[in-house]
N, C-alpha and C. Protein backbone atom coordinates (compact mmCIF):
# COMPACT_ATOMS: atom_id res chain seq x y z
N MET A 1 12.15 -14.24 -22.82
CA MET A 1 11.01 -15.02 -22.34
C MET A 1 11.50 -16.36 -21.80
N HIS A 2 11.05 -16.70 -20.61
CA HIS A 2 11.45 -17.97 -20.01
C HIS A 2 10.24 -18.91 -19.99
N PRO A 3 10.41 -20.18 -20.39
CA PRO A 3 9.26 -21.08 -20.50
C PRO A 3 8.52 -21.30 -19.18
N PHE A 4 9.22 -21.32 -18.05
CA PHE A 4 8.54 -21.50 -16.77
C PHE A 4 7.64 -20.30 -16.46
N LEU A 5 8.15 -19.09 -16.72
CA LEU A 5 7.35 -17.89 -16.48
C LEU A 5 6.20 -17.80 -17.46
N THR A 6 6.44 -18.19 -18.68
CA THR A 6 5.37 -18.17 -19.68
C THR A 6 4.27 -19.14 -19.30
N LYS A 7 4.64 -20.32 -18.80
CA LYS A 7 3.64 -21.31 -18.37
C LYS A 7 2.81 -20.77 -17.21
N LEU A 8 3.42 -19.97 -16.34
CA LEU A 8 2.68 -19.33 -15.25
C LEU A 8 1.76 -18.22 -15.75
N GLY A 9 1.97 -17.79 -16.99
CA GLY A 9 1.16 -16.72 -17.55
C GLY A 9 1.74 -15.34 -17.35
N ILE A 10 3.01 -15.24 -16.96
CA ILE A 10 3.63 -13.94 -16.69
C ILE A 10 3.70 -13.10 -17.97
N ARG A 11 3.22 -11.90 -17.90
CA ARG A 11 3.20 -11.00 -19.04
C ARG A 11 4.61 -10.83 -19.64
N PRO A 12 4.72 -10.69 -20.95
CA PRO A 12 6.03 -10.44 -21.56
C PRO A 12 6.71 -9.19 -21.00
N GLU A 13 5.93 -8.14 -20.70
CA GLU A 13 6.52 -6.92 -20.18
C GLU A 13 7.15 -7.14 -18.80
N VAL A 14 6.50 -7.99 -18.01
CA VAL A 14 7.02 -8.28 -16.67
C VAL A 14 8.26 -9.16 -16.78
N GLN A 15 8.24 -10.12 -17.69
CA GLN A 15 9.43 -10.94 -17.91
C GLN A 15 10.60 -10.08 -18.35
N GLU A 16 10.34 -9.12 -19.21
CA GLU A 16 11.40 -8.22 -19.66
C GLU A 16 11.94 -7.39 -18.50
N PHE A 17 11.05 -6.91 -17.63
CA PHE A 17 11.46 -6.11 -16.48
C PHE A 17 12.44 -6.88 -15.60
N PHE A 18 12.14 -8.16 -15.33
CA PHE A 18 12.95 -8.94 -14.39
C PHE A 18 14.10 -9.70 -15.05
N SER A 19 14.16 -9.72 -16.38
CA SER A 19 15.15 -10.56 -17.06
C SER A 19 16.61 -10.26 -16.66
N PRO A 20 17.00 -9.02 -16.32
CA PRO A 20 18.40 -8.82 -15.90
C PRO A 20 18.72 -9.37 -14.52
N TYR A 21 17.70 -9.82 -13.79
CA TYR A 21 17.89 -10.13 -12.37
C TYR A 21 17.74 -11.61 -12.05
N TYR A 22 17.74 -12.45 -13.07
CA TYR A 22 17.76 -13.88 -12.83
C TYR A 22 18.56 -14.57 -13.93
N SER A 23 18.93 -15.82 -13.67
CA SER A 23 19.57 -16.66 -14.67
C SER A 23 18.87 -18.01 -14.64
N ALA A 24 19.40 -18.98 -15.34
CA ALA A 24 18.81 -20.33 -15.37
C ALA A 24 19.92 -21.36 -15.33
N ASP A 25 19.62 -22.50 -14.71
CA ASP A 25 20.60 -23.59 -14.71
C ASP A 25 20.42 -24.47 -15.95
N SER A 26 21.16 -25.56 -16.02
CA SER A 26 21.18 -26.39 -17.22
C SER A 26 19.85 -27.08 -17.50
N THR A 27 19.00 -27.18 -16.46
CA THR A 27 17.68 -27.81 -16.67
C THR A 27 16.57 -26.77 -16.78
N GLY A 28 16.92 -25.49 -16.79
CA GLY A 28 15.94 -24.44 -16.99
C GLY A 28 15.38 -23.83 -15.73
N ASN A 29 15.78 -24.33 -14.55
CA ASN A 29 15.29 -23.74 -13.31
C ASN A 29 15.74 -22.30 -13.18
N LEU A 30 14.85 -21.43 -12.69
CA LEU A 30 15.17 -20.02 -12.51
C LEU A 30 16.05 -19.84 -11.28
N LEU A 31 17.08 -19.02 -11.39
CA LEU A 31 18.02 -18.77 -10.31
C LEU A 31 18.06 -17.27 -10.00
N PHE A 32 17.82 -16.92 -8.74
CA PHE A 32 17.85 -15.54 -8.29
C PHE A 32 18.96 -15.42 -7.25
N SER A 33 19.92 -14.55 -7.49
CA SER A 33 21.12 -14.51 -6.66
C SER A 33 20.95 -13.64 -5.42
N TYR A 34 21.29 -14.20 -4.27
CA TYR A 34 21.41 -13.49 -3.00
C TYR A 34 22.89 -13.52 -2.59
N ARG A 35 23.74 -13.12 -3.50
CA ARG A 35 25.19 -13.19 -3.33
C ARG A 35 25.63 -14.64 -3.15
N ARG A 36 25.93 -15.08 -1.93
CA ARG A 36 26.44 -16.44 -1.72
C ARG A 36 25.34 -17.49 -1.78
N TYR A 37 24.08 -17.08 -1.82
CA TYR A 37 22.96 -18.01 -1.79
C TYR A 37 22.07 -17.79 -3.01
N THR A 38 21.19 -18.76 -3.27
CA THR A 38 20.37 -18.69 -4.48
C THR A 38 18.95 -19.14 -4.19
N GLU A 39 17.99 -18.37 -4.66
CA GLU A 39 16.61 -18.82 -4.72
C GLU A 39 16.43 -19.57 -6.03
N THR A 40 15.83 -20.75 -5.97
CA THR A 40 15.66 -21.58 -7.16
C THR A 40 14.19 -21.89 -7.35
N TYR A 41 13.70 -21.64 -8.56
CA TYR A 41 12.31 -21.93 -8.87
C TYR A 41 12.25 -22.90 -10.04
N GLY A 42 11.65 -24.06 -9.79
CA GLY A 42 11.39 -25.03 -10.84
C GLY A 42 9.90 -25.30 -10.92
N MET A 43 9.48 -26.04 -11.90
CA MET A 43 8.05 -26.30 -12.06
C MET A 43 7.49 -27.15 -10.92
N ALA A 44 8.36 -27.91 -10.23
CA ALA A 44 7.87 -28.79 -9.16
C ALA A 44 8.38 -28.40 -7.79
N PHE A 45 9.18 -27.33 -7.67
CA PHE A 45 9.70 -26.93 -6.36
C PHE A 45 10.09 -25.46 -6.38
N HIS A 46 10.24 -24.92 -5.16
CA HIS A 46 10.65 -23.52 -4.99
C HIS A 46 11.48 -23.44 -3.71
N HIS A 47 12.76 -23.20 -3.84
CA HIS A 47 13.66 -23.09 -2.68
C HIS A 47 14.02 -21.63 -2.46
N VAL A 48 13.75 -21.14 -1.25
CA VAL A 48 14.07 -19.76 -0.88
C VAL A 48 15.07 -19.80 0.26
N PRO A 49 16.24 -19.15 0.12
CA PRO A 49 17.26 -19.23 1.17
C PRO A 49 16.91 -18.38 2.38
N ALA A 50 17.45 -18.76 3.53
CA ALA A 50 17.41 -17.94 4.74
C ALA A 50 18.81 -17.35 4.90
N THR A 51 18.96 -16.07 4.68
CA THR A 51 20.26 -15.44 4.61
C THR A 51 20.16 -13.97 4.99
N GLU A 52 21.28 -13.39 5.42
CA GLU A 52 21.31 -11.96 5.70
C GLU A 52 21.52 -11.16 4.42
N ASN A 53 21.78 -11.83 3.30
CA ASN A 53 21.91 -11.17 2.01
C ASN A 53 20.53 -11.00 1.37
N TYR A 54 20.47 -10.32 0.23
CA TYR A 54 19.19 -10.00 -0.38
C TYR A 54 19.31 -10.03 -1.90
N TRP A 55 18.15 -10.10 -2.54
CA TRP A 55 18.04 -10.01 -4.00
C TRP A 55 17.39 -8.69 -4.35
N LEU A 56 17.90 -8.01 -5.35
CA LEU A 56 17.36 -6.72 -5.78
C LEU A 56 16.96 -6.76 -7.25
N ALA A 57 15.93 -5.98 -7.58
CA ALA A 57 15.51 -5.81 -8.98
C ALA A 57 14.87 -4.44 -9.12
N GLY A 58 15.13 -3.79 -10.25
CA GLY A 58 14.50 -2.50 -10.51
C GLY A 58 15.51 -1.37 -10.55
N CYS A 59 15.03 -0.18 -10.25
CA CYS A 59 15.85 1.01 -10.40
C CYS A 59 16.80 1.18 -9.21
N ASP A 60 17.70 2.11 -9.34
CA ASP A 60 18.60 2.47 -8.25
C ASP A 60 17.81 3.10 -7.10
N LEU A 61 18.31 2.92 -5.88
CA LEU A 61 17.61 3.45 -4.71
C LEU A 61 17.34 4.95 -4.82
N THR A 62 18.27 5.70 -5.35
CA THR A 62 18.08 7.15 -5.43
C THR A 62 16.95 7.54 -6.37
N MET A 63 16.62 6.68 -7.33
CA MET A 63 15.57 6.97 -8.31
C MET A 63 14.22 6.37 -7.92
N ALA A 64 14.20 5.49 -6.93
CA ALA A 64 12.98 4.76 -6.59
C ALA A 64 11.95 5.67 -5.92
N ARG A 65 10.69 5.50 -6.32
CA ARG A 65 9.58 6.16 -5.64
C ARG A 65 8.88 5.19 -4.70
N GLU A 66 8.95 3.89 -5.02
CA GLU A 66 8.36 2.87 -4.17
C GLU A 66 9.34 1.72 -4.01
N ILE A 67 9.54 1.29 -2.77
CA ILE A 67 10.39 0.14 -2.45
C ILE A 67 9.46 -0.98 -1.98
N ILE A 68 9.51 -2.11 -2.66
CA ILE A 68 8.62 -3.23 -2.37
C ILE A 68 9.46 -4.37 -1.81
N ILE A 69 9.18 -4.74 -0.57
CA ILE A 69 9.97 -5.74 0.15
C ILE A 69 9.16 -7.02 0.25
N CYS A 70 9.79 -8.15 -0.09
CA CYS A 70 9.08 -9.42 -0.13
C CYS A 70 9.99 -10.54 0.37
N SER A 71 9.43 -11.75 0.44
CA SER A 71 10.17 -12.88 0.97
C SER A 71 10.75 -13.78 -0.12
N SER A 72 10.46 -13.48 -1.37
CA SER A 72 11.06 -14.24 -2.47
C SER A 72 10.99 -13.41 -3.75
N ALA A 73 11.93 -13.68 -4.65
CA ALA A 73 11.92 -13.00 -5.94
C ALA A 73 10.68 -13.37 -6.74
N MET A 74 10.25 -14.62 -6.65
CA MET A 74 9.07 -15.04 -7.40
C MET A 74 7.81 -14.33 -6.90
N GLU A 75 7.77 -13.97 -5.63
CA GLU A 75 6.64 -13.19 -5.12
C GLU A 75 6.61 -11.82 -5.78
N ALA A 76 7.78 -11.22 -5.99
CA ALA A 76 7.86 -9.94 -6.70
C ALA A 76 7.36 -10.08 -8.13
N VAL A 77 7.76 -11.14 -8.81
CA VAL A 77 7.33 -11.38 -10.19
C VAL A 77 5.81 -11.52 -10.24
N ALA A 78 5.26 -12.33 -9.33
CA ALA A 78 3.81 -12.55 -9.32
C ALA A 78 3.05 -11.25 -9.04
N TRP A 79 3.53 -10.47 -8.05
CA TRP A 79 2.83 -9.23 -7.70
C TRP A 79 2.83 -8.25 -8.88
N LEU A 80 3.98 -8.08 -9.53
CA LEU A 80 4.03 -7.12 -10.63
C LEU A 80 3.18 -7.59 -11.80
N HIS A 81 3.15 -8.88 -12.07
CA HIS A 81 2.28 -9.39 -13.13
C HIS A 81 0.82 -9.06 -12.84
N ILE A 82 0.38 -9.31 -11.62
CA ILE A 82 -1.02 -9.10 -11.27
C ILE A 82 -1.39 -7.62 -11.27
N HIS A 83 -0.42 -6.76 -10.91
CA HIS A 83 -0.71 -5.32 -10.77
C HIS A 83 -0.12 -4.48 -11.90
N TYR A 84 0.34 -5.11 -12.96
CA TYR A 84 1.08 -4.39 -13.99
C TYR A 84 0.29 -3.23 -14.59
N ARG A 85 -0.99 -3.46 -14.85
CA ARG A 85 -1.79 -2.41 -15.49
C ARG A 85 -1.96 -1.18 -14.61
N ALA A 86 -1.82 -1.36 -13.30
CA ALA A 86 -1.95 -0.23 -12.37
C ALA A 86 -0.62 0.45 -12.10
N CYS A 87 0.48 -0.11 -12.60
CA CYS A 87 1.81 0.45 -12.36
C CYS A 87 2.21 1.31 -13.56
N ASN A 88 1.95 2.59 -13.47
CA ASN A 88 2.24 3.48 -14.58
C ASN A 88 3.74 3.72 -14.77
N GLN A 89 4.52 3.62 -13.68
CA GLN A 89 5.94 3.93 -13.74
C GLN A 89 6.75 2.78 -13.15
N THR A 90 6.86 1.69 -13.89
CA THR A 90 7.67 0.58 -13.39
C THR A 90 9.14 0.96 -13.26
N GLY A 91 9.56 1.98 -13.96
CA GLY A 91 10.94 2.45 -13.87
C GLY A 91 11.28 3.06 -12.54
N ASN A 92 10.28 3.32 -11.70
CA ASN A 92 10.52 3.90 -10.38
C ASN A 92 10.35 2.89 -9.25
N LEU A 93 10.27 1.58 -9.60
CA LEU A 93 10.08 0.54 -8.60
C LEU A 93 11.41 -0.11 -8.26
N LEU A 94 11.60 -0.40 -6.98
CA LEU A 94 12.74 -1.18 -6.52
C LEU A 94 12.22 -2.32 -5.67
N PHE A 95 12.50 -3.56 -6.07
CA PHE A 95 12.09 -4.74 -5.32
C PHE A 95 13.29 -5.27 -4.53
N LEU A 96 13.02 -5.67 -3.29
CA LEU A 96 14.04 -6.29 -2.45
C LEU A 96 13.44 -7.54 -1.81
N SER A 97 14.06 -8.68 -2.05
CA SER A 97 13.64 -9.91 -1.38
C SER A 97 14.62 -10.22 -0.25
N THR A 98 14.07 -10.44 0.92
CA THR A 98 14.89 -10.78 2.09
C THR A 98 15.19 -12.27 2.16
N GLY A 99 14.50 -13.07 1.35
CA GLY A 99 14.56 -14.51 1.54
C GLY A 99 13.63 -14.92 2.66
N ALA A 100 13.82 -16.12 3.16
CA ALA A 100 12.86 -16.73 4.08
C ALA A 100 12.81 -16.08 5.45
N ARG A 101 13.86 -15.35 5.83
CA ARG A 101 13.91 -14.81 7.19
C ARG A 101 14.42 -13.38 7.17
N PRO A 102 13.54 -12.37 7.18
CA PRO A 102 14.01 -10.98 7.21
C PRO A 102 14.71 -10.65 8.52
N CYS A 103 15.75 -9.85 8.43
CA CYS A 103 16.48 -9.44 9.63
C CYS A 103 17.05 -8.04 9.41
N GLY A 104 17.54 -7.43 10.47
CA GLY A 104 18.02 -6.06 10.39
C GLY A 104 19.13 -5.86 9.38
N GLU A 105 19.97 -6.89 9.16
CA GLU A 105 21.08 -6.76 8.22
C GLU A 105 20.61 -6.46 6.80
N HIS A 106 19.39 -6.84 6.47
CA HIS A 106 18.89 -6.58 5.12
C HIS A 106 18.70 -5.09 4.84
N PHE A 107 18.55 -4.29 5.88
CA PHE A 107 18.06 -2.93 5.69
C PHE A 107 19.03 -1.83 6.08
N HIS A 108 20.26 -2.18 6.51
CA HIS A 108 21.20 -1.15 6.95
C HIS A 108 21.44 -0.11 5.85
N TRP A 109 21.72 -0.56 4.64
CA TRP A 109 22.01 0.38 3.55
C TRP A 109 20.75 1.08 3.06
N LEU A 110 19.60 0.41 3.22
CA LEU A 110 18.35 0.92 2.68
C LEU A 110 17.78 2.07 3.50
N LYS A 111 17.98 2.01 4.83
CA LYS A 111 17.32 2.97 5.72
C LYS A 111 17.76 4.42 5.48
N LYS A 112 18.99 4.61 4.98
CA LYS A 112 19.48 5.96 4.76
C LYS A 112 18.83 6.62 3.55
N GLY A 113 18.20 5.82 2.68
CA GLY A 113 17.66 6.38 1.44
C GLY A 113 16.16 6.30 1.29
N ILE A 114 15.43 6.08 2.39
CA ILE A 114 13.98 5.84 2.25
C ILE A 114 13.13 7.09 2.47
N LYS A 115 13.74 8.21 2.77
CA LYS A 115 12.96 9.43 2.98
C LYS A 115 12.16 9.76 1.73
N ASP A 116 10.87 10.05 1.92
CA ASP A 116 9.96 10.44 0.83
C ASP A 116 9.68 9.30 -0.15
N LYS A 117 9.96 8.05 0.25
CA LYS A 117 9.66 6.91 -0.61
C LYS A 117 8.55 6.07 0.02
N ARG A 118 7.71 5.49 -0.80
CA ARG A 118 6.66 4.59 -0.31
C ARG A 118 7.27 3.23 -0.06
N ILE A 119 6.98 2.66 1.10
CA ILE A 119 7.47 1.34 1.46
C ILE A 119 6.27 0.39 1.48
N SER A 120 6.36 -0.70 0.72
CA SER A 120 5.28 -1.68 0.65
C SER A 120 5.84 -3.06 0.97
N LEU A 121 5.06 -3.87 1.70
CA LEU A 121 5.49 -5.21 2.12
C LEU A 121 4.60 -6.26 1.48
N LEU A 122 5.22 -7.34 0.97
CA LEU A 122 4.48 -8.39 0.28
C LEU A 122 4.53 -9.72 1.02
N PHE A 123 4.68 -9.71 2.32
CA PHE A 123 4.75 -10.96 3.07
C PHE A 123 3.36 -11.61 3.12
N GLY A 124 3.34 -12.91 3.44
CA GLY A 124 2.12 -13.69 3.33
C GLY A 124 1.04 -13.34 4.33
N ASN A 125 -0.15 -13.91 4.09
CA ASN A 125 -1.30 -13.70 4.96
C ASN A 125 -1.26 -14.53 6.23
N ASP A 126 -0.38 -15.55 6.29
CA ASP A 126 -0.32 -16.41 7.47
C ASP A 126 0.38 -15.69 8.62
N LEU A 127 0.44 -16.35 9.78
CA LEU A 127 1.03 -15.71 10.96
C LEU A 127 2.49 -15.35 10.73
N LEU A 128 3.24 -16.25 10.08
CA LEU A 128 4.64 -15.95 9.81
C LEU A 128 4.78 -14.69 8.97
N GLY A 129 3.94 -14.55 7.95
CA GLY A 129 3.98 -13.35 7.12
C GLY A 129 3.65 -12.10 7.89
N ARG A 130 2.69 -12.19 8.80
CA ARG A 130 2.31 -11.02 9.60
C ARG A 130 3.40 -10.65 10.61
N VAL A 131 4.11 -11.65 11.12
CA VAL A 131 5.26 -11.37 11.98
C VAL A 131 6.37 -10.70 11.16
N CYS A 132 6.59 -11.18 9.94
CA CYS A 132 7.58 -10.55 9.07
C CYS A 132 7.22 -9.10 8.77
N ASP A 133 5.94 -8.79 8.62
CA ASP A 133 5.50 -7.40 8.43
C ASP A 133 6.03 -6.53 9.57
N LEU A 134 5.78 -6.97 10.80
CA LEU A 134 6.18 -6.17 11.96
C LEU A 134 7.69 -6.06 12.07
N LYS A 135 8.40 -7.18 11.96
CA LYS A 135 9.85 -7.15 12.14
C LYS A 135 10.52 -6.31 11.06
N THR A 136 10.00 -6.37 9.83
CA THR A 136 10.57 -5.56 8.76
C THR A 136 10.26 -4.09 8.95
N ALA A 137 9.01 -3.76 9.25
CA ALA A 137 8.63 -2.36 9.47
C ALA A 137 9.42 -1.76 10.62
N ALA A 138 9.60 -2.52 11.70
CA ALA A 138 10.34 -2.03 12.86
C ALA A 138 11.82 -1.81 12.51
N ALA A 139 12.40 -2.76 11.77
CA ALA A 139 13.81 -2.62 11.39
C ALA A 139 14.02 -1.41 10.49
N MET A 140 13.07 -1.15 9.59
CA MET A 140 13.18 -0.01 8.69
C MET A 140 13.14 1.32 9.44
N ARG A 141 12.50 1.34 10.60
CA ARG A 141 12.37 2.58 11.39
C ARG A 141 13.34 2.62 12.56
N ASN A 142 14.34 1.74 12.54
CA ASN A 142 15.33 1.70 13.63
C ASN A 142 14.70 1.49 14.99
N GLN A 143 13.61 0.72 15.02
CA GLN A 143 12.91 0.42 16.26
C GLN A 143 12.70 -1.09 16.33
N PRO A 144 13.74 -1.87 16.62
CA PRO A 144 13.62 -3.34 16.58
C PRO A 144 12.50 -3.87 17.47
N ALA A 145 11.87 -4.93 17.00
CA ALA A 145 10.79 -5.59 17.75
C ALA A 145 11.17 -7.06 17.95
N ALA A 146 11.05 -7.53 19.17
CA ALA A 146 11.26 -8.95 19.47
C ALA A 146 9.90 -9.62 19.58
N VAL A 147 9.72 -10.71 18.84
CA VAL A 147 8.41 -11.38 18.76
C VAL A 147 8.56 -12.80 19.30
N PHE A 148 7.62 -13.19 20.18
CA PHE A 148 7.62 -14.52 20.78
C PHE A 148 6.24 -15.15 20.57
N LEU A 149 6.22 -16.41 20.12
CA LEU A 149 4.97 -17.09 19.82
C LEU A 149 4.77 -18.28 20.75
N ASP A 150 3.51 -18.49 21.14
CA ASP A 150 3.15 -19.76 21.75
C ASP A 150 1.90 -20.28 21.04
N ASN A 151 1.26 -21.28 21.56
CA ASN A 151 0.14 -21.91 20.86
C ASN A 151 -1.06 -21.01 20.68
N GLU A 152 -1.19 -19.97 21.52
CA GLU A 152 -2.38 -19.13 21.47
C GLU A 152 -2.11 -17.65 21.24
N SER A 153 -0.92 -17.18 21.53
CA SER A 153 -0.71 -15.73 21.54
C SER A 153 0.59 -15.32 20.87
N VAL A 154 0.69 -14.02 20.64
CA VAL A 154 1.89 -13.37 20.11
C VAL A 154 2.30 -12.30 21.11
N ALA A 155 3.51 -12.41 21.62
CA ALA A 155 4.04 -11.42 22.55
C ALA A 155 5.12 -10.61 21.84
N VAL A 156 5.06 -9.30 21.99
CA VAL A 156 6.01 -8.41 21.31
C VAL A 156 6.65 -7.48 22.35
N THR A 157 7.96 -7.38 22.30
CA THR A 157 8.68 -6.38 23.07
C THR A 157 9.13 -5.30 22.10
N PHE A 158 8.68 -4.06 22.35
CA PHE A 158 8.91 -2.97 21.40
C PHE A 158 9.05 -1.67 22.17
N ARG A 159 10.14 -0.97 21.96
CA ARG A 159 10.41 0.30 22.62
C ARG A 159 10.25 0.18 24.14
N SER A 160 10.84 -0.88 24.69
CA SER A 160 10.89 -1.14 26.14
C SER A 160 9.53 -1.44 26.76
N LYS A 161 8.56 -1.80 25.94
CA LYS A 161 7.25 -2.18 26.45
C LYS A 161 6.86 -3.55 25.89
N SER A 162 5.96 -4.23 26.59
CA SER A 162 5.50 -5.55 26.17
C SER A 162 4.04 -5.49 25.75
N TYR A 163 3.71 -6.23 24.67
CA TYR A 163 2.35 -6.25 24.14
C TYR A 163 1.97 -7.71 23.89
N LEU A 164 0.69 -8.01 24.10
CA LEU A 164 0.20 -9.38 23.92
C LEU A 164 -1.03 -9.35 23.02
N SER A 165 -1.08 -10.29 22.07
CA SER A 165 -2.20 -10.37 21.14
C SER A 165 -2.49 -11.83 20.85
N SER A 166 -3.72 -12.13 20.45
CA SER A 166 -4.02 -13.49 19.99
C SER A 166 -3.41 -13.70 18.62
N ARG A 167 -3.10 -14.95 18.29
CA ARG A 167 -2.53 -15.28 16.99
C ARG A 167 -3.47 -14.88 15.86
N GLU A 168 -4.78 -15.07 16.04
CA GLU A 168 -5.75 -14.79 14.99
C GLU A 168 -5.87 -13.30 14.69
N LEU A 169 -5.74 -12.45 15.73
CA LEU A 169 -5.95 -11.02 15.55
C LEU A 169 -4.68 -10.23 15.30
N PHE A 170 -3.53 -10.88 15.41
CA PHE A 170 -2.27 -10.17 15.26
C PHE A 170 -2.05 -9.73 13.82
N SER A 171 -1.68 -8.48 13.65
CA SER A 171 -1.29 -7.93 12.34
C SER A 171 -0.51 -6.65 12.59
N LEU A 172 0.15 -6.15 11.56
CA LEU A 172 0.88 -4.89 11.72
C LEU A 172 -0.08 -3.75 12.06
N ASN A 173 -1.22 -3.70 11.38
CA ASN A 173 -2.20 -2.64 11.65
C ASN A 173 -2.71 -2.72 13.08
N ALA A 174 -3.01 -3.94 13.54
CA ALA A 174 -3.50 -4.09 14.91
C ALA A 174 -2.43 -3.70 15.92
N PHE A 175 -1.16 -4.03 15.62
CA PHE A 175 -0.09 -3.67 16.54
C PHE A 175 0.13 -2.16 16.57
N GLU A 176 -0.02 -1.49 15.43
CA GLU A 176 0.11 -0.03 15.42
C GLU A 176 -0.93 0.60 16.34
N LYS A 177 -2.16 0.09 16.31
CA LYS A 177 -3.20 0.62 17.19
C LYS A 177 -2.90 0.31 18.65
N GLN A 178 -2.38 -0.89 18.90
CA GLN A 178 -2.09 -1.30 20.27
C GLN A 178 -0.94 -0.50 20.86
N SER A 179 0.08 -0.22 20.06
CA SER A 179 1.28 0.46 20.56
C SER A 179 1.26 1.97 20.35
N ALA A 180 0.28 2.46 19.57
CA ALA A 180 0.19 3.89 19.24
C ALA A 180 1.44 4.37 18.50
N TYR A 181 2.00 3.49 17.67
CA TYR A 181 3.18 3.84 16.87
C TYR A 181 2.89 3.54 15.40
N ARG A 182 3.10 4.52 14.53
CA ARG A 182 2.84 4.36 13.11
C ARG A 182 4.15 4.11 12.36
N PHE A 183 4.21 3.02 11.60
CA PHE A 183 5.41 2.68 10.85
C PHE A 183 5.42 3.29 9.45
N HIS A 184 4.27 3.70 8.95
CA HIS A 184 4.15 4.33 7.64
C HIS A 184 4.64 3.40 6.52
N VAL A 185 4.17 2.16 6.55
CA VAL A 185 4.40 1.22 5.45
C VAL A 185 3.06 0.60 5.07
N ARG A 186 2.98 0.10 3.84
CA ARG A 186 1.78 -0.59 3.38
C ARG A 186 2.01 -2.09 3.40
N THR A 187 0.99 -2.84 3.77
CA THR A 187 1.03 -4.29 3.63
C THR A 187 0.07 -4.68 2.52
N LEU A 188 0.61 -5.31 1.48
CA LEU A 188 -0.16 -5.66 0.29
C LEU A 188 -0.36 -7.17 0.28
N LYS A 189 -1.59 -7.62 0.55
CA LYS A 189 -1.87 -9.04 0.67
C LYS A 189 -3.07 -9.42 -0.20
N PRO A 190 -3.01 -10.56 -0.85
CA PRO A 190 -4.18 -11.01 -1.63
C PRO A 190 -5.32 -11.41 -0.69
N LYS A 191 -6.55 -11.25 -1.14
CA LYS A 191 -7.71 -11.56 -0.29
C LYS A 191 -8.04 -13.04 -0.27
N THR A 192 -7.64 -13.78 -1.31
CA THR A 192 -8.10 -15.16 -1.43
C THR A 192 -6.97 -16.18 -1.46
N ALA A 193 -5.76 -15.78 -1.06
CA ALA A 193 -4.62 -16.70 -1.05
C ALA A 193 -3.63 -16.23 -0.01
N ASN A 194 -2.69 -17.09 0.33
CA ASN A 194 -1.67 -16.70 1.31
C ASN A 194 -0.67 -15.73 0.71
N THR A 195 -0.24 -15.98 -0.52
CA THR A 195 0.73 -15.12 -1.19
C THR A 195 0.26 -14.81 -2.61
N TRP A 196 0.90 -13.80 -3.23
CA TRP A 196 0.57 -13.47 -4.62
C TRP A 196 0.98 -14.60 -5.56
N LEU A 197 2.07 -15.29 -5.26
CA LEU A 197 2.47 -16.42 -6.09
C LEU A 197 1.47 -17.56 -5.98
N ASP A 198 0.97 -17.81 -4.77
CA ASP A 198 -0.08 -18.82 -4.60
C ASP A 198 -1.32 -18.46 -5.42
N LEU A 199 -1.69 -17.18 -5.39
CA LEU A 199 -2.86 -16.73 -6.15
C LEU A 199 -2.65 -16.96 -7.64
N LEU A 200 -1.48 -16.65 -8.13
CA LEU A 200 -1.19 -16.83 -9.55
C LEU A 200 -1.21 -18.31 -9.93
N ARG A 201 -0.59 -19.14 -9.10
CA ARG A 201 -0.52 -20.58 -9.42
C ARG A 201 -1.88 -21.27 -9.31
N SER A 202 -2.78 -20.67 -8.52
CA SER A 202 -4.11 -21.28 -8.36
C SER A 202 -4.99 -21.12 -9.59
N GLY A 203 -4.61 -20.18 -10.45
CA GLY A 203 -5.40 -19.91 -11.63
C GLY A 203 -6.58 -18.98 -11.36
N ALA A 204 -6.65 -18.44 -10.11
CA ALA A 204 -7.77 -17.58 -9.75
C ALA A 204 -7.66 -16.19 -10.36
N PHE A 205 -6.42 -15.80 -10.77
CA PHE A 205 -6.24 -14.48 -11.35
C PHE A 205 -6.34 -14.56 -12.85
N ASN A 206 -7.13 -13.68 -13.44
CA ASN A 206 -7.23 -13.58 -14.89
C ASN A 206 -6.72 -12.23 -15.33
N GLN A 207 -5.98 -12.21 -16.42
CA GLN A 207 -5.42 -10.94 -16.93
C GLN A 207 -6.56 -10.02 -17.35
C-alpha cells in the first residue's frame, strides 16, 4: 500500500495489481519506469515523459485478452480502480503507457501479438487525446496517419487520401465514418472529465 495511492482512494486490490510496476523515491513520489525515462507522480505534480519507450503492467502479451493503451501509468491505475468491479479477469489485462506522445515505435513488438485481442484506448477527451486515439489506432493497424491542426480544423492524411474535419467534431469514430475504415479498437473516455485520473481526483467517483 502506498500512501499517495491510498489518499487518492485506490482500492487495495488495485494497488496490489500495480505494485510490481512502480517504485518510490526518497520523498515517496511514485516512479514508473519507461527504461531511460521516468513518469513521476507526487501529491502536487505529475510528470509524464515524451519518449519512444513505454511502461508496461499486467500479464504477458501471449496471455492477454485485452490490451489497454494510455498516456500515463497513473491513468491506468485510475481506470482500473474505477472499473475494478467490472473486471472479472484482471489476470488477462495488459496495460501499456506511451507517455505524453504516442508514436509508431511504441507498437512494433505489440502488433505481431494482437490477433484476437481487444484493444482499448484511454486517451483524454480533449483534442490532443482524440488525435492520440487516431494515431495510435492507425499505428496498430500498420496504416500511419499524419495529422495537422490549425485554429479551426483537423486535417488528416491517411492511406494516400486527405480528410478535413472541424476541431469540435473530430474523433476516431467520426474519422472511421469519414474514411470508411474500421480500426477495431475501443475508446474509453469518462463522460464528466478529461481523463480518468482527473475524474478520480475530482472526487466525483464513488466506490
